[in-house]
Amino acid sequence: MDVREILKQYAAGERDFSGLNLAEVNLSAANLSGANLSEVNLSVANLSGANLSGANLSQAKLNVARLSGANVSKANLIQASLNVTNLIRTDLRRANLTQAALIRAELIRAELSGAMLKEANLSGADLREAALRQAILSRATLSEANLRGAFLTASVLEGANLNKADLNRADLSDSNLREADLRQANLSFANLSGADLSRANLRWADLRGADLRWANLSDAKLSGANLMGADLSNANLHNASLVHADLTQACLMKVDWIGADLSGAILTGAKLHAVSRFGLKTTGINCEWVDLSPEGDRSEIFYLSGEGLQKFFNATQPIVQITVDAPLDLNANFALASSYYQISHIYPAISKAPSIEVGARKTTITFSIDNNADLFTLAYLAILPFKDAKTAHQNILAIVNMVQSQELDTLGNQQQTPMRELITNLYQAIDTINSTEPLKLAPSLIESVNFFQASTHTLITNSSDQSLNIYYHPAFGKSWMNQSNLGDRSKNASLQTPEATLPPVSEVMKFITGLDYVKQSLGQSNTSKHAGFTE
């Protein structure tokens, strides 16, 4: 059947042209919209400018065919062969190309937004500046494909093979790249903001200058990746592997990277404002200096070397731990949660819920924080619901006075600054508490719960993994004796216990000098300073 006959029958209402051999025919600018062309051989055919919208081209052969400028929107191209096909500026919006073969196809500036390309083979394809917004490319093969400047906003590339693909300056914002293979891919200056790259393989990928703000890179493999100058602010790098990765001058402000492996990585010049440094693997890390300024403008430079480098990247998360000499029951749990909820509205230092471990006789309440400067404040607030609060508060203030009475000259600048911040934060919290109605801090329902009358032990631990006993009730650990059958003496006689004592001055000062405070303001001088670890 020749071209004239096909067009004549189509004009007469015929739509079924399945199985025909139309190799090398000229159907340029032809209108075959909605036609059934399944299993048709259109290899080397000229379909430039043709209207094939809504057509059925499933399992059709279109190898080396010309479809430049054609309208193939909403067409069925399932398992079609389009190898080395010219699809430049072709409209393939919402077309179904599931398991289609497009090896080395030319798709420059093609429109594929909303298209289904699940498990399609696009290896070596030229997709420069192609539009693939919200396209489905899960488990598709795009190895060595050219996607420079392509638009893949909100696209789905889960499990896709993009090994050695060129995605320079491509827009992949909000895209799904979970478990994608991006080994040795070129993602330099690409927009990956908000993208999901969890469990993705990015080994030896080029991510220089890439925008990875708010991206999810949890459990991603980034070993040997080049992230020089990349913006990873607010990104999730939880448990990511960054072994020997180059993060020179990368922006890592407010990044979550607990559990990340930075062994052998380069971080010289990285922006690390408001970054947690807990739970990292940093063997062999290379970092001469970091930028701790809030704006990333290098106004607060911190130099690192030797022991100071390891100390900086191996901090322990500061905690406040209250152990209660009684098990937590449901009523007490409700009252405790209610009390901490009220306190969190008054002072944000207690905004994160604690972890609670309940034993047969004791309950341990642990608050984790990011800043040493909030340790005393959080300890002061966390004990508020308990009967021991008044005495514990007296101990905290006595410890603060103890430090203030010491010669500040005995402390280096590195410790003076955090100590002053500790004290300032504490007194601000006390002023806030004193100006607040008691019922807003400790609801009346706790008065009827025995749990809050039990003796307590408060312990704080700083980022250098040094602990300090803030308060230890003299009868702590002995309350169970009143309930045991140990004879009349233990039943009727009250336990004689000494008054609570303060920790020794030497212990307190050791804790203070162990504060890991590395954010030293350079003021208006804009002069770089060393960390205090090196001079």
Protein backbone atom coordinates (compact mmCIF):
# COMPACT_ATOMS: atom_id res chain seq x y z
CA MET A 1 0.00 0.00 0.00
CA ASP A 2 1.50 3.31 -1.07
CA VAL A 3 1.26 6.67 0.67
CA ARG A 4 -1.59 7.99 -1.50
CA GLU A 5 -3.72 4.94 -0.79
CA ILE A 6 -3.08 5.19 2.96
CA LEU A 7 -4.05 8.86 3.05
CA LYS A 8 -7.09 8.18 0.84
CA GLN A 9 -8.35 5.42 3.13
CA TYR A 10 -7.65 7.53 6.21
CA ALA A 11 -9.69 10.38 4.73
CA ALA A 12 -12.50 7.87 4.10
CA GLY A 13 -12.55 6.94 7.78
CA GLU A 14 -10.22 3.93 7.87
CA ARG A 15 -8.00 3.88 10.94
CA ASP A 16 -6.49 0.40 11.03
CA PHE A 17 -3.13 0.21 9.27
CA SER A 18 -1.49 -2.23 11.65
CA GLY A 19 1.31 -4.52 10.52
CA LEU A 20 2.07 -2.70 7.24
CA ASN A 21 5.57 -2.35 5.85
CA LEU A 22 6.03 1.35 5.25
CA ALA A 23 9.80 1.53 5.40
CA GLU A 24 11.32 4.64 3.79
CA VAL A 25 7.91 6.16 2.88
CA ASN A 26 7.41 9.91 2.87
CA LEU A 27 4.57 10.89 5.21
CA SER A 28 5.87 14.33 6.07
CA ALA A 29 3.09 16.67 7.27
CA ALA A 30 0.57 13.81 6.94
CA ASN A 31 -2.39 13.64 9.28
CA LEU A 32 -2.74 10.18 10.83
CA SER A 33 -4.09 11.27 14.20
CA GLY A 34 -5.67 8.37 16.10
CA ALA A 35 -4.59 5.79 13.51
CA ASN A 36 -3.73 2.21 14.46
CA LEU A 37 -0.13 1.77 13.32
CA SER A 38 0.80 -0.98 15.74
CA GLU A 39 3.66 -3.22 14.56
CA VAL A 40 4.07 -1.07 11.44
CA ASN A 41 7.55 -0.87 9.92
CA LEU A 42 8.33 2.82 9.46
CA SER A 43 12.10 2.51 9.53
CA VAL A 44 13.89 5.34 7.70
CA ALA A 45 10.47 6.88 6.98
CA ASN A 46 10.00 10.64 6.74
CA LEU A 47 7.31 11.74 9.23
CA SER A 48 8.57 15.29 9.80
CA GLY A 49 5.74 17.58 10.83
CA ALA A 50 3.22 14.73 10.74
CA ASN A 51 0.25 14.60 13.08
CA LEU A 52 0.33 11.30 14.94
CA SER A 53 -1.39 12.49 18.11
CA GLY A 54 -3.25 9.69 19.86
CA ALA A 55 -2.01 7.14 17.33
CA ASN A 56 -1.29 3.53 18.27
CA LEU A 57 2.36 2.88 17.42
CA SER A 58 2.92 0.08 19.90
CA GLN A 59 5.75 -2.24 18.82
CA ALA A 60 6.19 -0.17 15.68
CA LYS A 61 9.63 0.10 14.06
CA LEU A 62 10.72 3.68 13.57
CA ASN A 63 14.46 3.20 13.54
CA VAL A 64 16.37 6.02 11.81
CA ALA A 65 13.02 7.63 10.94
CA ARG A 66 12.54 11.41 10.79
CA LEU A 67 9.87 12.81 13.09
CA SER A 68 11.29 16.27 13.68
CA GLY A 69 8.53 18.72 14.58
CA ALA A 70 5.91 15.96 14.50
CA ASN A 71 2.94 15.87 16.87
CA VAL A 72 3.04 12.51 18.66
CA SER A 73 1.32 13.68 21.83
CA LYS A 74 -0.71 11.07 23.74
CA ALA A 75 0.43 8.41 21.27
CA ASN A 76 0.91 4.77 22.28
CA LEU A 77 4.56 3.88 21.65
CA ILE A 78 4.83 0.94 24.06
CA GLN A 79 7.81 -1.25 23.09
CA ALA A 80 8.31 0.78 19.91
CA SER A 81 11.77 0.94 18.33
CA LEU A 82 13.03 4.48 17.72
CA ASN A 83 16.76 3.88 17.67
CA VAL A 84 18.78 6.70 16.07
CA THR A 85 15.47 8.39 15.23
CA ASN A 86 15.29 12.13 14.60
CA LEU A 87 12.82 13.49 17.18
CA ILE A 88 14.16 17.04 17.32
CA ARG A 89 11.48 19.41 18.63
CA THR A 90 8.93 16.58 18.45
CA ASP A 91 5.82 16.91 20.63
CA LEU A 92 5.62 13.75 22.76
CA ARG A 93 3.65 15.16 25.63
CA ARG A 94 1.84 12.46 27.61
CA ALA A 95 2.94 9.84 25.09
CA ASN A 96 3.37 6.28 26.40
CA LEU A 97 6.90 5.07 25.64
CA THR A 98 7.03 2.26 28.18
CA GLN A 99 9.89 -0.14 27.34
CA ALA A 100 10.50 1.74 24.09
CA ALA A 101 13.98 1.65 22.53
CA LEU A 102 15.40 5.11 21.83
CA ILE A 103 19.09 4.27 21.71
CA ARG A 104 21.08 7.25 20.38
CA ALA A 105 17.82 8.96 19.40
CA GLU A 106 17.92 12.72 18.72
CA LEU A 107 15.50 14.42 21.09
CA ILE A 108 17.00 17.92 21.16
CA ARG A 109 14.38 20.32 22.57
CA ALA A 110 11.73 17.62 22.32
CA GLU A 111 8.63 18.07 24.45
CA LEU A 112 8.14 15.02 26.69
CA SER A 113 6.39 16.55 29.68
CA GLY A 114 4.08 14.05 31.35
CA ALA A 115 5.32 11.25 29.09
CA MET A 116 5.56 7.66 30.31
CA LEU A 117 9.08 6.34 29.71
CA LYS A 118 9.12 3.57 32.29
CA GLU A 119 11.91 1.06 31.55
CA ALA A 120 12.64 2.80 28.23
CA ASN A 121 16.15 2.55 26.77
CA LEU A 122 17.55 6.01 26.05
CA SER A 123 21.24 5.14 26.31
CA GLY A 124 23.35 7.58 24.33
CA ALA A 125 20.27 9.64 23.40
CA ASP A 126 20.63 13.37 22.79
CA LEU A 127 18.12 15.15 25.03
CA ARG A 128 19.73 18.56 25.18
CA GLU A 129 17.24 21.15 26.45
CA ALA A 130 14.43 18.61 26.20
CA ALA A 131 11.38 19.15 28.39
CA LEU A 132 10.63 16.16 30.63
CA ARG A 133 8.66 17.86 33.37
CA GLN A 134 6.72 15.32 35.46
CA ALA A 135 7.80 12.57 33.06
CA ILE A 136 7.94 8.99 34.38
CA LEU A 137 11.38 7.50 33.77
CA SER A 138 11.51 4.92 36.55
CA ARG A 139 14.04 2.16 35.80
CA ALA A 140 14.78 3.75 32.43
CA THR A 141 18.25 3.46 30.90
CA LEU A 142 19.87 6.82 30.20
CA SER A 143 23.52 5.80 30.42
CA GLU A 144 25.78 8.25 28.56
CA ALA A 145 22.72 10.25 27.48
CA ASN A 146 23.15 13.98 26.85
CA LEU A 147 20.69 15.88 29.03
CA ARG A 148 22.53 19.19 29.20
CA GLY A 149 20.06 21.94 30.07
CA ALA A 150 17.12 19.51 30.10
CA PHE A 151 14.04 20.28 32.18
CA LEU A 152 13.17 17.36 34.47
CA THR A 153 11.26 19.22 37.17
CA ALA A 154 9.23 16.82 39.37
CA SER A 155 10.11 13.90 37.10
CA VAL A 156 10.32 10.31 38.35
CA LEU A 157 13.70 8.66 37.77
CA GLU A 158 13.54 6.11 40.56
CA GLY A 159 15.97 3.27 39.89
CA ALA A 160 16.99 4.81 36.55
CA ASN A 161 20.42 4.18 35.04
CA LEU A 162 22.12 7.52 34.41
CA ASN A 163 25.67 6.20 34.51
CA LYS A 164 27.99 8.72 32.82
CA ALA A 165 25.02 10.83 31.69
CA ASP A 166 25.61 14.52 31.02
CA LEU A 167 23.17 16.58 33.12
CA ASN A 168 25.13 19.81 33.16
CA ARG A 169 22.80 22.68 34.16
CA ALA A 170 19.77 20.38 33.96
CA ASP A 171 16.74 21.23 36.11
CA LEU A 172 15.95 18.25 38.34
CA SER A 173 14.27 20.19 41.12
CA ASP A 174 11.75 18.16 43.15
CA SER A 175 12.51 15.08 41.06
CA ASN A 176 12.50 11.52 42.37
CA LEU A 177 15.92 9.91 41.89
CA ARG A 178 15.67 7.31 44.63
CA GLU A 179 18.15 4.46 44.08
CA ALA A 180 19.15 5.93 40.71
CA ASP A 181 22.55 5.03 39.26
CA LEU A 182 24.40 8.31 38.67
CA ARG A 183 27.96 7.03 38.78
CA GLN A 184 30.35 9.38 37.00
CA ALA A 185 27.41 11.50 35.85
CA ASN A 186 28.00 15.17 35.08
CA LEU A 187 25.63 17.13 37.31
CA SER A 188 27.73 20.28 37.46
CA PHE A 189 25.59 23.38 38.11
CA ALA A 190 22.44 21.23 37.93
CA ASN A 191 19.37 22.22 39.92
CA LEU A 192 18.61 19.37 42.32
CA SER A 193 16.89 21.44 44.98
CA GLY A 194 14.27 19.41 46.82
CA ALA A 195 15.17 16.28 44.85
CA ASP A 196 14.94 12.83 46.43
CA LEU A 197 18.32 11.14 45.96
CA SER A 198 18.02 8.72 48.84
CA ARG A 199 20.08 5.55 48.26
CA ALA A 200 21.22 6.95 44.92
CA ASN A 201 24.66 5.94 43.63
CA LEU A 202 26.61 9.13 42.90
CA ARG A 203 30.13 7.71 43.13
CA TRP A 204 32.63 9.90 41.26
CA ALA A 205 29.80 12.14 40.02
CA ASP A 206 30.59 15.75 39.11
CA LEU A 207 28.35 17.96 41.27
CA ARG A 208 30.42 21.14 41.14
CA GLY A 209 28.24 24.18 41.81
CA ALA A 210 25.09 22.04 41.93
CA ASP A 211 22.02 23.31 43.79
CA LEU A 212 21.16 20.61 46.33
CA ARG A 213 19.24 22.72 48.82
CA TRP A 214 16.70 20.67 50.79
CA ALA A 215 17.66 17.57 48.77
CA ASN A 216 17.30 14.14 50.36
CA LEU A 217 20.63 12.34 50.09
CA SER A 218 20.11 9.96 52.99
CA ASP A 219 22.04 6.70 52.53
CA ALA A 220 23.35 8.02 49.18
CA LYS A 221 26.74 6.90 47.91
CA LEU A 222 28.86 9.95 47.12
CA SER A 223 32.32 8.43 47.43
CA GLY A 224 34.80 10.36 45.28
CA ALA A 225 32.13 12.82 44.15
CA ASN A 226 33.16 16.38 43.29
CA LEU A 227 30.95 18.78 45.26
CA MET A 228 33.17 21.86 45.06
CA GLY A 229 31.05 24.96 45.57
CA ALA A 230 27.81 22.96 45.69
CA ASP A 231 24.93 24.31 47.79
CA LEU A 232 23.72 21.61 50.21
CA SER A 233 22.08 23.89 52.74
CA ASN A 234 19.27 22.15 54.65
CA ALA A 235 20.00 18.91 52.78
CA ASN A 236 19.55 15.48 54.37
CA LEU A 237 22.82 13.53 54.28
CA HIS A 238 21.90 11.10 57.02
CA ASN A 239 24.14 8.01 56.78
CA ALA A 240 25.47 9.17 53.39
CA SER A 241 28.87 7.96 52.22
CA LEU A 242 31.15 10.86 51.31
CA VAL A 243 34.43 8.96 51.43
CA HIS A 244 37.10 10.97 49.57
CA ALA A 245 34.44 13.40 48.33
CA ASP A 246 35.59 16.94 47.53
CA LEU A 247 33.42 19.46 49.43
CA THR A 248 35.80 22.40 49.02
CA GLN A 249 33.87 25.65 49.66
CA ALA A 250 30.55 23.75 49.57
CA CYS A 251 27.64 25.28 51.47
CA LEU A 252 26.57 22.86 54.19
CA MET A 253 24.65 25.25 56.41
CA LYS A 254 21.93 23.53 58.46
CA VAL A 255 22.66 20.19 56.80
CA ASP A 256 21.63 16.99 58.60
CA TRP A 257 24.50 14.53 58.22
CA ILE A 258 24.45 12.45 61.39
CA GLY A 259 25.96 9.07 60.60
CA ALA A 260 27.66 10.32 57.42
CA ASP A 261 31.05 8.89 56.46
CA LEU A 262 33.48 11.73 55.63
CA SER A 263 36.62 9.60 55.73
CA GLY A 264 39.27 11.17 53.51
CA ALA A 265 36.91 13.94 52.38
CA ILE A 266 38.07 17.50 51.65
CA LEU A 267 36.12 20.26 53.43
CA THR A 268 38.46 23.24 53.22
CA GLY A 269 36.42 26.45 52.99
CA ALA A 270 33.09 24.68 53.57
CA LYS A 271 30.27 26.78 55.05
CA LEU A 272 29.22 25.05 58.26
CA HIS A 273 26.99 27.50 60.10
CA ALA A 274 24.40 25.74 62.31
CA VAL A 275 25.71 22.30 61.35
CA SER A 276 25.65 19.44 63.83
CA ARG A 277 29.03 17.73 64.19
CA PHE A 278 27.83 14.64 65.99
CA GLY A 279 28.02 11.02 64.85
CA LEU A 280 30.37 11.60 61.91
CA LYS A 281 33.12 9.33 60.59
CA THR A 282 36.08 11.58 59.81
CA THR A 283 39.20 9.43 59.57
CA GLY A 284 41.74 11.14 57.30
CA ILE A 285 39.55 14.20 56.71
CA ASN A 286 41.28 17.15 55.03
CA CYS A 287 40.15 20.61 56.15
CA GLU A 288 42.34 23.69 56.61
CA TRP A 289 39.57 26.15 57.47
CA VAL A 290 35.79 26.50 57.57
CA ASP A 291 33.36 29.40 57.28
CA LEU A 292 31.03 29.62 60.29
CA SER A 293 29.37 32.94 59.40
CA PRO A 294 25.54 32.94 59.38
CA GLU A 295 25.48 34.46 55.88
CA GLY A 296 28.36 32.40 54.49
CA ASP A 297 30.28 35.60 53.78
CA ARG A 298 33.57 34.48 55.40
CA SER A 299 33.22 36.98 58.21
CA GLU A 300 33.84 34.15 60.69
CA ILE A 301 36.71 31.97 59.53
CA PHE A 302 37.93 29.11 61.71
CA TYR A 303 41.27 27.42 61.06
CA LEU A 304 41.80 23.76 61.87
CA SER A 305 44.74 21.42 62.01
CA GLY A 306 45.97 18.30 63.78
CA GLU A 307 44.19 17.48 67.02
CA GLY A 308 41.88 20.47 66.66
CA LEU A 309 40.61 19.14 63.33
CA GLN A 310 39.62 15.80 64.82
CA LYS A 311 38.06 17.49 67.85
CA PHE A 312 35.99 19.78 65.66
CA PHE A 313 34.51 16.97 63.57
CA ASN A 314 34.14 14.42 66.36
CA ALA A 315 31.96 16.23 68.86
CA THR A 316 29.47 14.44 71.12
CA GLN A 317 25.88 15.65 71.09
CA PRO A 318 25.21 17.63 74.30
CA ILE A 319 22.52 16.08 76.48
CA VAL A 320 20.56 16.79 79.64
CA GLN A 321 19.56 13.62 81.46
CA ILE A 322 17.13 13.40 84.36
CA THR A 323 16.80 10.05 86.09
CA VAL A 324 13.67 9.71 88.24
CA ASP A 325 13.61 7.23 91.10
CA ALA A 326 10.24 5.82 90.01
CA PRO A 327 8.75 4.05 86.97
CA LEU A 328 6.68 6.13 84.55
CA ASP A 329 3.04 5.08 84.32
CA LEU A 330 0.42 6.30 81.85
CA ASN A 331 -0.91 9.07 84.11
CA ALA A 332 2.59 10.37 84.76
CA ASN A 333 3.45 10.17 81.06
CA PHE A 334 0.44 12.29 80.15
CA ALA A 335 1.22 14.84 82.86
CA LEU A 336 4.91 15.01 81.87
CA ALA A 337 4.11 15.52 78.20
CA SER A 338 1.57 18.21 79.09
CA SER A 339 4.07 20.03 81.28
CA TYR A 340 6.88 19.97 78.70
CA TYR A 341 4.42 21.06 76.02
CA GLN A 342 3.54 24.13 78.09
CA ILE A 343 7.19 24.91 78.81
CA SER A 344 8.12 24.66 75.12
CA HIS A 345 5.74 27.53 74.36
CA ILE A 346 7.48 29.67 76.93
CA TYR A 347 11.05 28.81 75.99
CA PRO A 348 12.04 27.11 72.67
CA ALA A 349 15.16 25.47 74.16
CA ILE A 350 12.92 22.58 75.21
CA SER A 351 11.02 22.31 71.94
CA LYS A 352 12.38 18.85 71.05
CA ALA A 353 10.72 15.89 72.75
CA PRO A 354 13.02 13.84 74.99
CA SER A 355 13.71 10.14 74.74
CA ILE A 356 12.33 8.22 77.71
CA GLU A 357 13.55 4.88 79.01
CA VAL A 358 11.33 3.23 81.62
CA GLY A 359 12.72 0.58 83.94
CA ALA A 360 11.20 -1.44 86.77
CA ARG A 361 12.29 1.14 89.35
CA LYS A 362 13.63 4.15 87.46
CA THR A 363 12.83 6.38 84.50
CA THR A 364 15.49 8.15 82.44
CA ILE A 365 14.51 11.29 80.50
CA THR A 366 17.11 12.45 77.97
CA PHE A 367 17.09 15.71 76.03
CA SER A 368 19.51 16.07 73.10
CA ILE A 369 20.52 19.54 71.93
CA ASP A 370 22.87 21.01 69.35
CA ASN A 371 24.43 23.77 71.40
CA ASN A 372 26.44 23.68 74.63
CA ALA A 373 25.14 27.15 75.41
CA ASP A 374 21.70 25.73 76.25
CA LEU A 375 22.86 23.02 78.68
CA PHE A 376 22.22 24.84 81.97
CA THR A 377 19.05 26.41 80.59
CA LEU A 378 17.61 23.10 79.49
CA ALA A 379 18.53 21.45 82.81
CA TYR A 380 16.79 24.31 84.62
CA LEU A 381 13.63 23.90 82.53
CA ALA A 382 13.53 20.09 82.34
CA ILE A 383 13.36 19.68 86.12
CA LEU A 384 10.48 22.17 86.53
CA PRO A 385 7.64 19.59 86.84
CA PHE A 386 9.38 17.75 89.70
CA LYS A 387 9.36 18.34 93.44
CA ASP A 388 13.16 18.51 93.29
CA ALA A 389 13.01 21.58 91.03
CA LYS A 390 13.64 24.17 93.74
CA THR A 391 16.76 22.43 95.11
CA ALA A 392 18.05 21.58 91.64
CA HIS A 393 17.65 25.22 90.60
CA GLN A 394 19.62 26.32 93.64
CA ASN A 395 22.40 23.92 92.64
CA ILE A 396 22.48 25.22 89.06
CA LEU A 397 22.75 28.83 90.22
CA ALA A 398 25.40 27.87 92.76
CA ILE A 399 27.46 26.21 90.01
CA VAL A 400 27.14 29.31 87.84
CA ASN A 401 28.25 31.51 90.75
CA MET A 402 31.14 29.12 91.36
CA VAL A 403 32.38 29.63 87.80
CA GLN A 404 31.86 33.40 87.91
CA SER A 405 33.89 33.62 91.11
CA GLN A 406 36.88 32.05 89.39
CA GLU A 407 39.39 34.23 87.63
CA LEU A 408 38.22 34.45 84.00
CA ASP A 409 41.85 34.78 83.06
CA THR A 410 42.24 31.10 83.92
CA LEU A 411 39.94 30.38 81.00
CA GLY A 412 41.04 30.92 77.42
CA ASN A 413 38.96 33.00 75.03
CA GLN A 414 37.59 29.76 73.63
CA GLN A 415 35.91 28.94 76.96
CA GLN A 416 35.02 32.50 78.07
CA THR A 417 32.64 33.07 75.19
CA PRO A 418 30.56 29.90 75.65
CA MET A 419 30.51 30.38 79.43
CA ARG A 420 29.10 33.87 79.07
CA GLU A 421 26.53 32.56 76.58
CA LEU A 422 25.58 29.77 79.01
CA ILE A 423 25.01 32.28 81.78
CA THR A 424 23.15 34.76 79.57
CA ASN A 425 20.80 32.08 78.23
CA LEU A 426 20.13 30.78 81.74
CA TYR A 427 19.23 34.14 83.24
CA GLN A 428 17.03 34.99 80.26
CA ALA A 429 15.15 31.72 80.83
CA ILE A 430 14.80 32.47 84.56
CA ASP A 431 13.37 35.92 83.80
CA THR A 432 10.88 34.34 81.41
CA ILE A 433 9.87 31.72 83.99
CA ASN A 434 9.45 34.29 86.75
CA SER A 435 7.12 36.35 84.56
CA THR A 436 4.95 33.34 83.69
CA GLU A 437 1.97 31.98 85.59
CA PRO A 438 3.01 28.79 87.45
CA LEU A 439 0.14 26.75 85.99
CA LYS A 440 1.47 27.40 82.48
CA LEU A 441 4.77 25.76 83.43
CA ALA A 442 3.59 22.93 85.66
CA PRO A 443 -0.11 22.01 85.23
CA SER A 444 -2.01 21.27 88.43
CA LEU A 445 -2.53 17.64 87.41
CA ILE A 446 1.10 16.77 88.26
CA GLU A 447 0.45 17.47 91.96
CA SER A 448 -1.65 14.33 92.24
CA VAL A 449 0.91 12.10 90.51
CA ASN A 450 3.44 10.41 92.80
CA PHE A 451 6.00 10.17 89.98
CA PHE A 452 6.82 13.88 90.29
CA GLN A 453 7.45 13.58 94.04
CA ALA A 454 10.22 11.02 93.54
CA SER A 455 13.89 11.89 94.00
CA THR A 456 15.90 12.76 90.90
CA HIS A 457 19.41 12.87 89.49
CA THR A 458 20.28 15.48 86.83
CA LEU A 459 23.37 15.03 84.65
CA ILE A 460 24.58 17.17 81.73
CA THR A 461 27.11 16.14 79.06
CA ASN A 462 28.91 18.59 76.78
CA SER A 463 30.11 18.17 73.21
CA SER A 464 33.53 17.04 74.46
CA ASP A 465 31.81 14.04 76.10
CA GLN A 466 32.44 15.39 79.60
CA SER A 467 29.67 15.01 82.18
CA LEU A 468 28.72 17.07 85.22
CA ASN A 469 26.33 16.14 88.04
CA ILE A 470 24.01 19.11 88.39
CA TYR A 471 21.87 17.62 91.13
CA TYR A 472 21.74 14.30 92.96
CA HIS A 473 19.02 13.83 95.58
CA PRO A 474 20.57 12.31 98.73
CA ALA A 475 17.83 9.65 98.89
CA PHE A 476 18.08 8.75 95.21
CA GLY A 477 17.99 4.98 94.70
CA LYS A 478 16.69 4.30 98.22
CA SER A 479 12.95 4.86 97.79
CA TRP A 480 12.33 1.19 97.04
CA MET A 481 13.58 0.33 100.54
CA ASN A 482 10.51 1.95 102.06
CA GLN A 483 8.35 -0.50 100.14
CA SER A 484 10.30 -3.67 100.92
CA ASN A 485 9.77 -6.04 103.82
CA LEU A 486 12.99 -5.38 105.68
CA GLY A 487 11.53 -5.34 109.19
CA ASP A 488 10.04 -2.73 111.47
CA ARG A 489 13.15 -0.61 111.49
CA SER A 490 13.03 0.02 107.74
CA LYS A 491 9.24 0.36 107.78
CA ASN A 492 8.90 2.85 110.60
CA ALA A 493 12.15 4.73 110.68
CA SER A 494 12.81 7.40 108.13
CA LEU A 495 16.05 7.17 106.20
CA GLN A 496 18.68 9.58 107.44
CA THR A 497 20.31 11.20 104.43
CA PRO A 498 22.73 14.12 104.10
CA GLU A 499 21.88 17.28 102.20
CA ALA A 500 22.56 17.52 98.45
CA THR A 501 26.09 18.60 97.65
CA LEU A 502 27.67 20.56 94.82
CA PRO A 503 30.28 19.04 92.52
CA PRO A 504 33.89 20.01 93.29
CA VAL A 505 35.19 23.25 91.78
CA SER A 506 37.86 21.34 89.84
CA GLU A 507 35.20 19.13 88.28
CA VAL A 508 33.09 22.11 87.29
CA MET A 509 36.03 23.97 85.75
CA LYS A 510 37.12 20.87 83.85
CA PHE A 511 33.62 20.66 82.39
CA ILE A 512 33.68 24.34 81.41
CA THR A 513 37.11 24.16 79.78
CA GLY A 514 35.91 21.14 77.85
CA LEU A 515 33.18 23.12 76.12
CA ASP A 516 33.70 22.76 72.40
CA TYR A 517 32.94 26.29 71.21
CA VAL A 518 34.37 26.93 67.79
CA LYS A 519 32.25 29.77 66.50
CA GLN A 520 34.44 32.76 67.24
CA SER A 521 33.09 36.06 65.95
CA LEU A 522 35.58 38.18 64.08
CA GLY A 523 33.61 41.33 64.74
CA GLN A 524 34.14 44.17 62.31
CA SER A 525 37.82 43.48 61.84
CA ASN A 526 37.07 40.67 59.38
CA THR A 527 40.43 39.20 60.38
CA SER A 528 40.75 35.43 60.24
CA LYS A 529 41.39 33.72 63.57
CA HIS A 530 42.63 30.31 64.59
CA ALA A 531 40.47 27.93 66.55
CA GLY A 532 42.48 28.02 69.71
CA PHE A 533 43.62 24.51 68.88
CA THR A 534 46.38 25.93 66.67
CA GLU A 535 48.13 29.24 66.68
